Each structure stands twice: as C-alpha cells, then as structure tokens.
Amino acid sequence: MPVDLTDEQIDEFGREMDAIYHETLESRGEKDRLYILRLIRTQRAMALVGRLVIYASLFLLPAWGHALAGWPSTLIVMALGVILLGLAKILENMEIAHNVLHAQWDWMKDPEIQSNTWEWDTMSPSDRWMHSHNVVHHTWTNVLEKDLDVGYGIMRVTPHQPWKPAYLLQPVYFVLLMLLFEEGVALHEQALIDVVERKKKPKEILPLMKHIGRKVWGQVRKDYLMWPGLAALVALPISLVVPESPLTVFLLVAGANFVANIMRNIWAFVIIFCGHFPAGVYHFTQEQTEGESRGQWYLRQLLGSANITGGPLFHVMSGNLSHQIEHHLFPDLCSNRYPEVAPRVKALADRYGLPYNSAPLWRQFGTTWLNNLRLALPGGTTPPEPARA
C-alpha cells in the first residue's frame, strides 16, 4: 500500500469513512425517493419524445413535396430526435440503471426499482454485469490479475502490467472500445478470457454465451428491427400516395437509433475511463491486499479512483460517476448523495495527507489518452508516492 500511515491511523481512517457512510445512509428519505422517481419519468419521456421527433422528421422527406420538405430539414429535425434519444439512453444507463443495479434504491422496497429485477437498455445482461462489476470490480478495484477492468483485458493502463507487442495497437483498441462500449461490456467476461487462454473449452461457456446472446438479440431487435419496422409499416400504405420507399424509412430510423447508441457509448466510455485511468491513479498487486483491513480497503478505493469536476447537470449526466472516488468508497449509497459526501471525503483525505484526484474532464481524459499512447510502448513510470501523513 503506497501510504506512509501506521496501522492505527489506517484503522482510524476507516472508522471515519464508516461514520460518513452510515450517517448518510441513515438520512435517506422522501427527498431521495422523489429524486429517482422524477428522474425515471423524465428519462422515459425524453426517450419517447426523441423517438416521436425522429418519426416526425420523416414527414419532411423530399418526396412529400410541401414547402418544408427537403433533406436539410429532415436531417435537422432527425438530429434533434437523435440527441434527445441519445441523452435519454445516457440517463438510463448512467444515473438510473447503473445505480439501481448497485442496489442503491433497494431500500425503497419499490418492486419496479429493484436491483434483482431491473433490466437495462444495453447489451450486457443485468445479472452478468452485476457479477463482473459489483462483485469482482468493486471488491478488487485496481488489483492486477483480479480486477478485469484494469485495461479491460486488451489495454495496458499501468507500467506494472508486463508489456507485449499486442499493446502497440492499443490506441486502436481505445477508439474501437469507445465506439462499441455497449458490445465490449457485454463480452467483458472472465469465461471468454479463459477460452482464449485455453483454460476452458468453448462448450463449457455455451450456456453463458446463449444468455448474453439473448440479451444482445433483444437490443438489436428493439433498436434496429422493431422501431424502424414500425416506421416502415406506417410508410407502406403512404408509399402508395407519396413516392417514398418504406425501406428508406426503415434505414433512416435504424440509422438514427445507431447514432443515439454511439452517443451513449462514447459518453459512458469517457466518464468511466476518466474515473479509472487518468494520471495519478494507483494500481495494486495481490500481495498488497492480503489480509486487507476495512481501512486499507478504503485507502485502495481512494487511491485507485479519480473524480471529474463539473456542475450539477454534468454530475447527473455522468451518473454521478464524476464522483468516482465516492462511488468506489460507498457503491450502494444513493448517487445523488455523492456531491454532498465528496467535500467530507476530501477533507478527511487532506487531514491524513492522502491524494484526492479531482480535475476537469479535459485534464482527466487528456492524461488518460496520453497514458494509453505511452503504455502502448515498453516501459512507463508509476505514479509518485503520496505525501507523508
């Protein structure tokens, strides 16, 4: 553990963190319940309006021949619908589903908002994500060879990882994962790595792959068949009067959904990577975590995470993962409470002489990208040691 504190100081640090956690946990109430209910209603309304605006843009296609018809007006209105739909998908994935699946809202006993029944709008099945993320990642945050999120199995994000020639292409992997983050998370499974490393046979993970495949198919069917198909179905009788192919309508709506998904993928990737891989984030070996106390676990979460500064709207759109430090410290605490907890955590870290990694988005993403480029090559330097307490 790269901290010069005595065991007694670490234990006391842990007790003070526990106090912050339990005090905030016990203060949950009606204000928090209204927050998540309003947010879900807002998100669903945005998604519906976004899809309706995409459909409305189809009445501006040039084939209609009226004064407003034309490709520029069609694409402008469709872009508005895509932005609304993309923002709705971001809200659903980041501030709603991610946090519901962390059991942050189970205390309400609302049967519609429970971690064990919520299925989110992404290709990764909720139960598989909860295992790989809640159980594995949050238990072994930034522990090499235990936390699968350290480089997601395809990138070198710390000099502690031995270099190999395949990492020369990691700037390409970085961009591809950013664009296809939904698909990447769905396939982010230890079982698949075991097959690649020949520790398991493909037939051993067939039930798992079928489970993931059903969720993937459900998402493809919804965004690229059902919604575009509905538009094409309506366009079919209209095509007898207006010379516009239902196939064109189908492809336009499918393309709009695709762009909305890409928007969500890029935003989720940027926020998550900025919370885990910018300059100053620490990584750990398994030996360093042997016999780990509660205080030491808290220290590892603090040192292995980074925050992103911003305003209230930015924090909501990031799923409050802009408070990644607080999320790693208290993963089942309601996300809307992270902004009020953050100053207390920072004050505690300062008092113990511990680093509290927080910076604007441009700085965190910039150092993440530069780190990716540097570690594609052999070598690299580890973060400086924290100040002595």
Protein backbone atom coordinates (compact mmCIF):
# COMPACT_ATOMS: atom_id res chain seq x y z
CA MET A 1 0.00 0.00 0.00
CA PRO A 2 1.74 3.26 -1.16
CA VAL A 3 0.87 5.17 2.03
CA ASP A 4 3.06 6.03 4.99
CA LEU A 5 0.49 5.63 7.76
CA THR A 6 0.57 3.43 10.84
CA ASP A 7 -1.93 0.60 11.22
CA GLU A 8 -3.67 2.61 13.93
CA GLN A 9 -4.01 5.62 11.64
CA ILE A 10 -5.38 3.45 8.83
CA ASP A 11 -7.91 1.89 11.19
CA GLU A 12 -9.00 5.30 12.40
CA PHE A 13 -9.27 6.48 8.77
CA GLY A 14 -11.54 3.50 8.11
CA ARG A 15 -13.72 4.29 11.13
CA GLU A 16 -14.13 7.89 9.99
CA MET A 17 -15.10 6.72 6.50
CA ASP A 18 -17.61 4.32 8.04
CA ALA A 19 -19.08 7.21 10.03
CA ILE A 20 -19.60 9.28 6.86
CA TYR A 21 -21.20 6.29 5.14
CA HIS A 22 -23.60 5.29 7.93
CA GLU A 23 -24.60 8.87 8.71
CA THR A 24 -25.53 9.48 5.08
CA LEU A 25 -27.19 6.07 4.75
CA GLU A 26 -29.45 6.71 7.72
CA SER A 27 -30.55 10.10 6.38
CA ARG A 28 -32.12 8.65 3.21
CA GLY A 29 -35.77 9.54 2.84
CA GLU A 30 -38.58 11.08 0.83
CA LYS A 31 -36.33 13.59 -0.96
CA ASP A 32 -34.20 10.77 -2.34
CA ARG A 33 -37.25 8.70 -3.34
CA LEU A 34 -38.74 11.63 -5.27
CA TYR A 35 -35.39 12.23 -6.97
CA ILE A 36 -35.19 8.78 -8.56
CA LEU A 37 -38.90 8.64 -9.45
CA ARG A 38 -38.78 12.03 -11.18
CA LEU A 39 -35.58 11.08 -12.95
CA ILE A 40 -37.08 7.86 -14.32
CA ARG A 41 -40.18 9.73 -15.54
CA THR A 42 -38.01 12.40 -17.16
CA GLN A 43 -35.80 9.83 -18.85
CA ARG A 44 -38.72 7.84 -20.26
CA ALA A 45 -40.42 10.99 -21.51
CA MET A 46 -37.18 12.08 -23.23
CA ALA A 47 -36.84 8.68 -24.93
CA LEU A 48 -40.44 8.75 -26.14
CA VAL A 49 -40.26 12.35 -27.39
CA GLY A 50 -36.93 11.61 -29.07
CA ARG A 51 -38.40 8.69 -31.00
CA LEU A 52 -41.52 10.71 -31.94
CA VAL A 53 -39.33 13.55 -33.24
CA ILE A 54 -37.36 11.04 -35.33
CA TYR A 55 -40.66 9.79 -36.76
CA ALA A 56 -41.86 13.38 -37.35
CA SER A 57 -38.75 14.11 -39.40
CA LEU A 58 -39.92 11.51 -41.91
CA PHE A 59 -42.79 13.85 -42.90
CA LEU A 60 -40.14 16.29 -44.12
CA LEU A 61 -38.63 13.93 -46.68
CA PRO A 62 -38.35 15.50 -50.17
CA ALA A 63 -40.96 13.09 -51.60
CA TRP A 64 -43.73 14.90 -49.71
CA GLY A 65 -43.25 17.96 -51.92
CA HIS A 66 -44.57 20.55 -49.44
CA ALA A 67 -42.80 23.84 -48.64
CA LEU A 68 -40.83 22.43 -45.63
CA ALA A 69 -39.89 19.16 -47.33
CA GLY A 70 -36.22 18.56 -48.13
CA TRP A 71 -33.18 16.70 -46.90
CA PRO A 72 -31.78 19.61 -44.83
CA SER A 73 -35.00 20.00 -42.79
CA THR A 74 -35.37 16.21 -42.49
CA LEU A 75 -31.87 15.76 -41.13
CA ILE A 76 -32.07 18.76 -38.77
CA VAL A 77 -35.27 17.53 -37.15
CA MET A 78 -34.00 13.94 -37.09
CA ALA A 79 -30.77 15.13 -35.42
CA LEU A 80 -32.86 16.78 -32.70
CA GLY A 81 -34.65 13.48 -32.10
CA VAL A 82 -31.37 11.58 -32.08
CA ILE A 83 -29.89 13.95 -29.49
CA LEU A 84 -32.96 13.56 -27.24
CA LEU A 85 -32.87 9.77 -27.60
CA GLY A 86 -29.11 9.66 -27.02
CA LEU A 87 -29.42 11.78 -23.86
CA ALA A 88 -32.24 9.54 -22.64
CA LYS A 89 -30.07 6.47 -23.17
CA ILE A 90 -27.21 8.15 -21.29
CA LEU A 91 -29.50 8.95 -18.36
CA GLU A 92 -30.90 5.42 -18.31
CA ASN A 93 -27.51 3.73 -18.35
CA MET A 94 -25.55 6.12 -16.15
CA GLU A 95 -27.68 7.72 -13.42
CA ILE A 96 -30.56 5.24 -13.33
CA ALA A 97 -29.70 1.65 -14.28
CA HIS A 98 -26.06 1.61 -13.12
CA ASN A 99 -27.10 2.85 -9.70
CA VAL A 100 -30.26 0.73 -9.44
CA LEU A 101 -28.14 -2.35 -10.18
CA HIS A 102 -25.82 -1.31 -7.34
CA ALA A 103 -28.85 -1.74 -5.02
CA GLN A 104 -28.72 1.96 -4.19
CA TRP A 105 -32.52 2.17 -4.29
CA ASP A 106 -33.50 -1.25 -2.91
CA TRP A 107 -34.25 0.38 0.45
CA MET A 108 -37.41 1.95 -1.02
CA LYS A 109 -38.96 -1.53 -1.45
CA ASP A 110 -40.43 -0.38 -4.76
CA PRO A 111 -41.00 -3.54 -6.86
CA GLU A 112 -40.34 -1.54 -10.05
CA ILE A 113 -36.94 -0.25 -8.91
CA GLN A 114 -35.06 -3.25 -7.54
CA SER A 115 -31.54 -4.42 -8.38
CA ASN A 116 -32.62 -8.06 -8.83
CA THR A 117 -35.38 -7.27 -11.37
CA TRP A 118 -34.14 -4.23 -13.32
CA GLU A 119 -33.04 -4.92 -16.90
CA TRP A 120 -31.25 -2.03 -18.54
CA ASP A 121 -31.05 -0.66 -22.07
CA THR A 122 -27.74 -2.19 -23.08
CA MET A 123 -26.48 -5.49 -24.49
CA SER A 124 -25.00 -6.75 -21.23
CA PRO A 125 -27.46 -8.83 -19.16
CA SER A 126 -28.01 -7.20 -15.78
CA ASP A 127 -27.14 -10.29 -13.76
CA ARG A 128 -23.83 -10.84 -15.57
CA TRP A 129 -22.87 -7.17 -15.26
CA MET A 130 -23.71 -7.16 -11.56
CA HIS A 131 -21.33 -10.09 -11.06
CA SER A 132 -18.40 -8.74 -13.09
CA HIS A 133 -18.85 -5.17 -11.84
CA ASN A 134 -20.41 -5.18 -8.37
CA VAL A 135 -18.73 -8.34 -7.12
CA VAL A 136 -15.41 -8.56 -8.96
CA HIS A 137 -14.52 -4.94 -9.81
CA HIS A 138 -15.70 -3.28 -6.61
CA THR A 139 -14.10 -5.96 -4.44
CA TRP A 140 -10.77 -5.98 -6.27
CA THR A 141 -10.59 -2.38 -7.53
CA ASN A 142 -7.34 -1.90 -9.49
CA VAL A 143 -5.78 -5.14 -8.21
CA LEU A 144 -3.72 -6.66 -11.02
CA GLU A 145 -4.86 -10.08 -12.24
CA LYS A 146 -8.03 -9.84 -10.12
CA ASP A 147 -9.88 -6.77 -11.43
CA LEU A 148 -10.88 -7.42 -15.05
CA ASP A 149 -11.49 -3.69 -15.54
CA VAL A 150 -7.74 -2.97 -15.40
CA GLY A 151 -7.35 -2.35 -19.13
CA TYR A 152 -10.44 -4.46 -19.87
CA GLY A 153 -8.12 -7.30 -20.87
CA ILE A 154 -6.96 -5.55 -24.05
CA MET A 155 -5.04 -2.45 -22.91
CA ARG A 156 -2.02 -1.73 -20.74
CA VAL A 157 -3.02 1.02 -18.31
CA THR A 158 -0.21 0.74 -15.76
CA PRO A 159 3.54 0.08 -16.03
CA HIS A 160 3.00 -2.78 -13.58
CA GLN A 161 1.47 -4.74 -16.48
CA PRO A 162 4.23 -6.52 -18.47
CA TRP A 163 4.49 -5.13 -21.98
CA LYS A 164 3.80 -7.31 -25.02
CA PRO A 165 3.70 -6.48 -28.76
CA ALA A 166 -0.11 -6.64 -28.91
CA TYR A 167 -0.22 -3.42 -26.86
CA LEU A 168 1.22 -1.49 -29.81
CA LEU A 169 -2.32 -1.47 -31.21
CA GLN A 170 -4.00 -0.29 -28.03
CA PRO A 171 -4.67 3.25 -29.35
CA VAL A 172 -6.83 1.49 -31.95
CA TYR A 173 -8.48 -0.66 -29.27
CA PHE A 174 -9.12 2.54 -27.28
CA VAL A 175 -11.10 4.15 -30.11
CA LEU A 176 -12.95 0.95 -31.04
CA LEU A 177 -13.97 0.30 -27.44
CA MET A 178 -15.17 3.90 -27.16
CA LEU A 179 -17.45 3.46 -30.19
CA LEU A 180 -18.58 -0.06 -29.28
CA PHE A 181 -18.60 0.21 -25.50
CA GLU A 182 -22.01 -1.44 -25.20
CA GLU A 183 -20.79 -4.50 -27.06
CA GLY A 184 -17.47 -4.51 -25.20
CA VAL A 185 -19.16 -4.54 -21.79
CA ALA A 186 -21.44 -7.40 -22.88
CA LEU A 187 -18.39 -9.52 -23.78
CA HIS A 188 -16.39 -8.46 -20.71
CA GLU A 189 -16.37 -11.92 -19.11
CA GLN A 190 -13.66 -13.93 -17.38
CA ALA A 191 -15.09 -17.05 -19.04
CA LEU A 192 -14.26 -15.68 -22.50
CA ILE A 193 -10.72 -14.86 -21.38
CA ASP A 194 -10.40 -18.43 -20.07
CA VAL A 195 -11.38 -19.79 -23.50
CA VAL A 196 -8.86 -17.51 -25.27
CA GLU A 197 -6.17 -18.66 -22.82
CA ARG A 198 -7.30 -22.29 -23.32
CA LYS A 199 -8.21 -22.74 -19.67
CA LYS A 200 -11.74 -23.68 -20.72
CA LYS A 201 -13.31 -25.27 -23.77
CA PRO A 202 -15.87 -23.27 -25.77
CA LYS A 203 -18.63 -25.77 -24.96
CA GLU A 204 -18.16 -25.09 -21.24
CA ILE A 205 -19.30 -21.49 -21.62
CA LEU A 206 -22.08 -22.20 -24.15
CA PRO A 207 -24.92 -21.57 -21.63
CA LEU A 208 -23.32 -18.22 -20.71
CA MET A 209 -22.95 -17.21 -24.34
CA LYS A 210 -26.57 -18.13 -25.04
CA HIS A 211 -27.65 -15.97 -22.11
CA ILE A 212 -25.63 -13.00 -23.40
CA GLY A 213 -26.81 -13.69 -26.95
CA ARG A 214 -30.46 -13.48 -25.93
CA LYS A 215 -29.89 -10.02 -24.41
CA VAL A 216 -27.90 -8.86 -27.45
CA TRP A 217 -30.65 -10.07 -29.75
CA GLY A 218 -33.25 -8.26 -27.64
CA GLN A 219 -31.39 -4.97 -28.02
CA VAL A 220 -30.83 -5.46 -31.78
CA ARG A 221 -34.48 -6.39 -32.26
CA LYS A 222 -35.70 -3.32 -30.34
CA ASP A 223 -33.45 -0.63 -31.87
CA TYR A 224 -32.81 -2.00 -35.34
CA LEU A 225 -35.93 -4.01 -36.18
CA MET A 226 -38.94 -3.07 -34.05
CA TRP A 227 -38.77 0.77 -34.05
CA PRO A 228 -37.56 1.03 -37.71
CA GLY A 229 -40.06 -1.69 -38.69
CA LEU A 230 -42.93 0.25 -37.14
CA ALA A 231 -41.99 3.30 -39.20
CA ALA A 232 -41.71 1.21 -42.37
CA LEU A 233 -45.08 -0.41 -41.67
CA VAL A 234 -46.73 3.02 -41.46
CA ALA A 235 -44.84 4.13 -44.58
CA LEU A 236 -46.07 1.15 -46.60
CA PRO A 237 -49.63 2.42 -47.31
CA ILE A 238 -48.36 6.02 -47.51
CA SER A 239 -45.95 4.94 -50.27
CA LEU A 240 -48.97 4.34 -52.50
CA VAL A 241 -49.59 8.11 -52.44
CA VAL A 242 -46.16 9.57 -51.69
CA PRO A 243 -43.26 8.13 -53.74
CA GLU A 244 -41.02 7.19 -50.79
CA SER A 245 -39.69 3.69 -50.23
CA PRO A 246 -40.54 2.05 -46.86
CA LEU A 247 -37.00 0.64 -46.99
CA THR A 248 -35.58 4.19 -46.94
CA VAL A 249 -37.75 4.98 -43.91
CA PHE A 250 -36.60 1.78 -42.18
CA LEU A 251 -32.92 2.55 -42.78
CA LEU A 252 -33.25 6.18 -41.65
CA VAL A 253 -34.83 5.21 -38.31
CA ALA A 254 -32.36 2.36 -37.78
CA GLY A 255 -29.51 4.76 -38.52
CA ALA A 256 -30.91 7.31 -36.05
CA ASN A 257 -31.04 4.65 -33.33
CA PHE A 258 -27.49 3.61 -34.18
CA VAL A 259 -26.19 7.17 -33.77
CA ALA A 260 -28.03 7.52 -30.43
CA ASN A 261 -26.36 4.33 -29.21
CA ILE A 262 -22.95 5.59 -30.34
CA MET A 263 -23.57 8.84 -28.42
CA ARG A 264 -24.29 6.82 -25.28
CA ASN A 265 -21.26 4.55 -25.85
CA ILE A 266 -18.80 7.43 -26.24
CA TRP A 267 -20.10 9.32 -23.20
CA ALA A 268 -20.13 6.25 -20.94
CA PHE A 269 -16.62 5.29 -22.07
CA VAL A 270 -15.21 8.77 -21.46
CA ILE A 271 -16.72 9.10 -17.99
CA ILE A 272 -15.71 5.60 -16.88
CA PHE A 273 -12.16 5.80 -18.24
CA CYS A 274 -11.67 9.25 -16.69
CA GLY A 275 -12.62 7.79 -13.33
CA HIS A 276 -10.21 4.87 -13.55
CA PHE A 277 -7.20 5.56 -15.77
CA PRO A 278 -6.03 9.21 -15.68
CA ALA A 279 -2.66 10.31 -14.30
CA GLY A 280 -2.21 9.77 -10.58
CA VAL A 281 -4.39 6.67 -10.20
CA TYR A 282 -2.73 3.77 -8.37
CA HIS A 283 -2.79 0.04 -9.05
CA PHE A 284 -2.03 -2.77 -6.65
CA THR A 285 -0.68 -6.30 -6.54
CA GLN A 286 -2.47 -9.21 -4.91
CA GLU A 287 0.26 -9.35 -2.27
CA GLN A 288 -0.55 -5.78 -1.20
CA THR A 289 -4.16 -6.73 -0.49
CA GLU A 290 -3.51 -9.87 1.58
CA GLY A 291 -5.15 -9.56 4.99
CA GLU A 292 -6.60 -6.21 3.96
CA SER A 293 -8.47 -4.38 6.74
CA ARG A 294 -11.53 -2.19 6.25
CA GLY A 295 -9.37 0.93 6.47
CA GLN A 296 -6.92 -0.46 3.91
CA TRP A 297 -9.81 -1.27 1.57
CA TYR A 298 -11.00 2.34 1.83
CA LEU A 299 -7.46 3.54 1.08
CA ARG A 300 -7.29 1.39 -2.04
CA GLN A 301 -10.59 2.79 -3.30
CA LEU A 302 -9.41 6.36 -2.69
CA LEU A 303 -6.04 5.86 -4.39
CA GLY A 304 -7.45 3.81 -7.28
CA SER A 305 -10.09 6.32 -8.41
CA ALA A 306 -10.39 9.83 -9.83
CA ASN A 307 -13.13 12.46 -9.85
CA ILE A 308 -14.19 14.87 -12.59
CA THR A 309 -15.16 18.40 -11.63
CA GLY A 310 -18.30 19.98 -13.06
CA GLY A 311 -21.76 21.38 -12.36
CA PRO A 312 -24.95 19.65 -11.16
CA LEU A 313 -26.20 18.77 -14.66
CA PHE A 314 -22.82 17.31 -15.60
CA HIS A 315 -22.85 15.15 -12.46
CA VAL A 316 -26.35 13.82 -13.23
CA MET A 317 -25.47 13.06 -16.87
CA SER A 318 -22.34 11.24 -15.70
CA GLY A 319 -24.44 9.09 -13.39
CA ASN A 320 -22.54 10.85 -10.61
CA LEU A 321 -19.57 8.74 -11.67
CA SER A 322 -17.86 12.11 -11.86
CA HIS A 323 -17.62 11.29 -8.13
CA GLN A 324 -15.87 8.01 -8.87
CA ILE A 325 -13.92 8.18 -5.60
CA GLU A 326 -17.10 8.37 -3.55
CA HIS A 327 -18.73 5.69 -5.69
CA HIS A 328 -15.86 3.29 -5.06
CA LEU A 329 -15.89 4.08 -1.35
CA PHE A 330 -19.69 3.75 -1.00
CA PRO A 331 -21.04 1.85 -4.03
CA ASP A 332 -24.51 1.22 -2.57
CA LEU A 333 -25.07 4.80 -1.39
CA CYS A 334 -27.64 6.77 -3.41
CA SER A 335 -25.74 8.51 -6.20
CA ASN A 336 -27.50 11.85 -5.65
CA ARG A 337 -25.77 11.98 -2.26
CA TYR A 338 -22.23 11.82 -3.67
CA PRO A 339 -21.95 15.61 -4.21
CA GLU A 340 -22.66 16.29 -0.53
CA VAL A 341 -20.35 13.49 0.64
CA ALA A 342 -17.41 14.48 -1.60
CA PRO A 343 -16.24 17.55 0.41
CA ARG A 344 -16.20 15.46 3.60
CA VAL A 345 -14.18 12.72 1.93
CA LYS A 346 -11.71 15.25 0.52
CA ALA A 347 -11.32 16.95 3.91
CA LEU A 348 -10.62 13.55 5.50
CA ALA A 349 -8.07 12.68 2.81
CA ASP A 350 -6.34 16.04 3.28
CA ARG A 351 -6.17 15.55 7.03
CA TYR A 352 -4.41 12.21 6.58
CA GLY A 353 -2.11 13.57 3.84
CA LEU A 354 -3.68 11.39 1.16
CA PRO A 355 -4.10 12.33 -2.52
CA TYR A 356 -7.60 13.18 -3.75
CA ASN A 357 -7.51 13.00 -7.55
CA SER A 358 -10.01 15.53 -8.95
CA ALA A 359 -9.74 17.59 -12.15
CA PRO A 360 -11.78 18.87 -15.13
CA LEU A 361 -12.91 16.46 -17.84
CA TRP A 362 -10.38 17.74 -20.38
CA ARG A 363 -7.48 17.07 -17.99
CA GLN A 364 -8.64 13.63 -16.90
CA PHE A 365 -9.39 12.47 -20.45
CA GLY A 366 -6.22 14.07 -21.82
CA THR A 367 -3.97 12.24 -19.37
CA THR A 368 -5.93 9.02 -19.92
CA TRP A 369 -5.31 9.26 -23.67
CA LEU A 370 -1.63 10.19 -23.25
CA ASN A 371 -1.22 7.32 -20.79
CA ASN A 372 -2.75 4.98 -23.36
CA LEU A 373 -0.29 6.13 -26.02
CA ARG A 374 2.74 5.96 -23.71
CA LEU A 375 1.96 2.50 -22.34
CA ALA A 376 1.47 1.09 -25.84
CA LEU A 377 5.28 1.13 -25.81
CA PRO A 378 7.60 -0.65 -23.36
CA GLY A 379 8.43 1.00 -20.03
CA GLY A 380 6.48 3.71 -18.30
CA THR A 381 6.62 5.39 -14.89
CA THR A 382 4.46 4.68 -11.87
CA PRO A 383 2.55 7.48 -10.06
CA PRO A 384 4.54 9.43 -7.45
CA GLU A 385 4.21 8.32 -3.84
CA PRO A 386 1.54 10.18 -1.82
CA ALA A 387 2.64 12.83 0.65
CA ARG A 388 3.53 11.58 4.12
CA ALA A 389 0.84 11.95 6.75
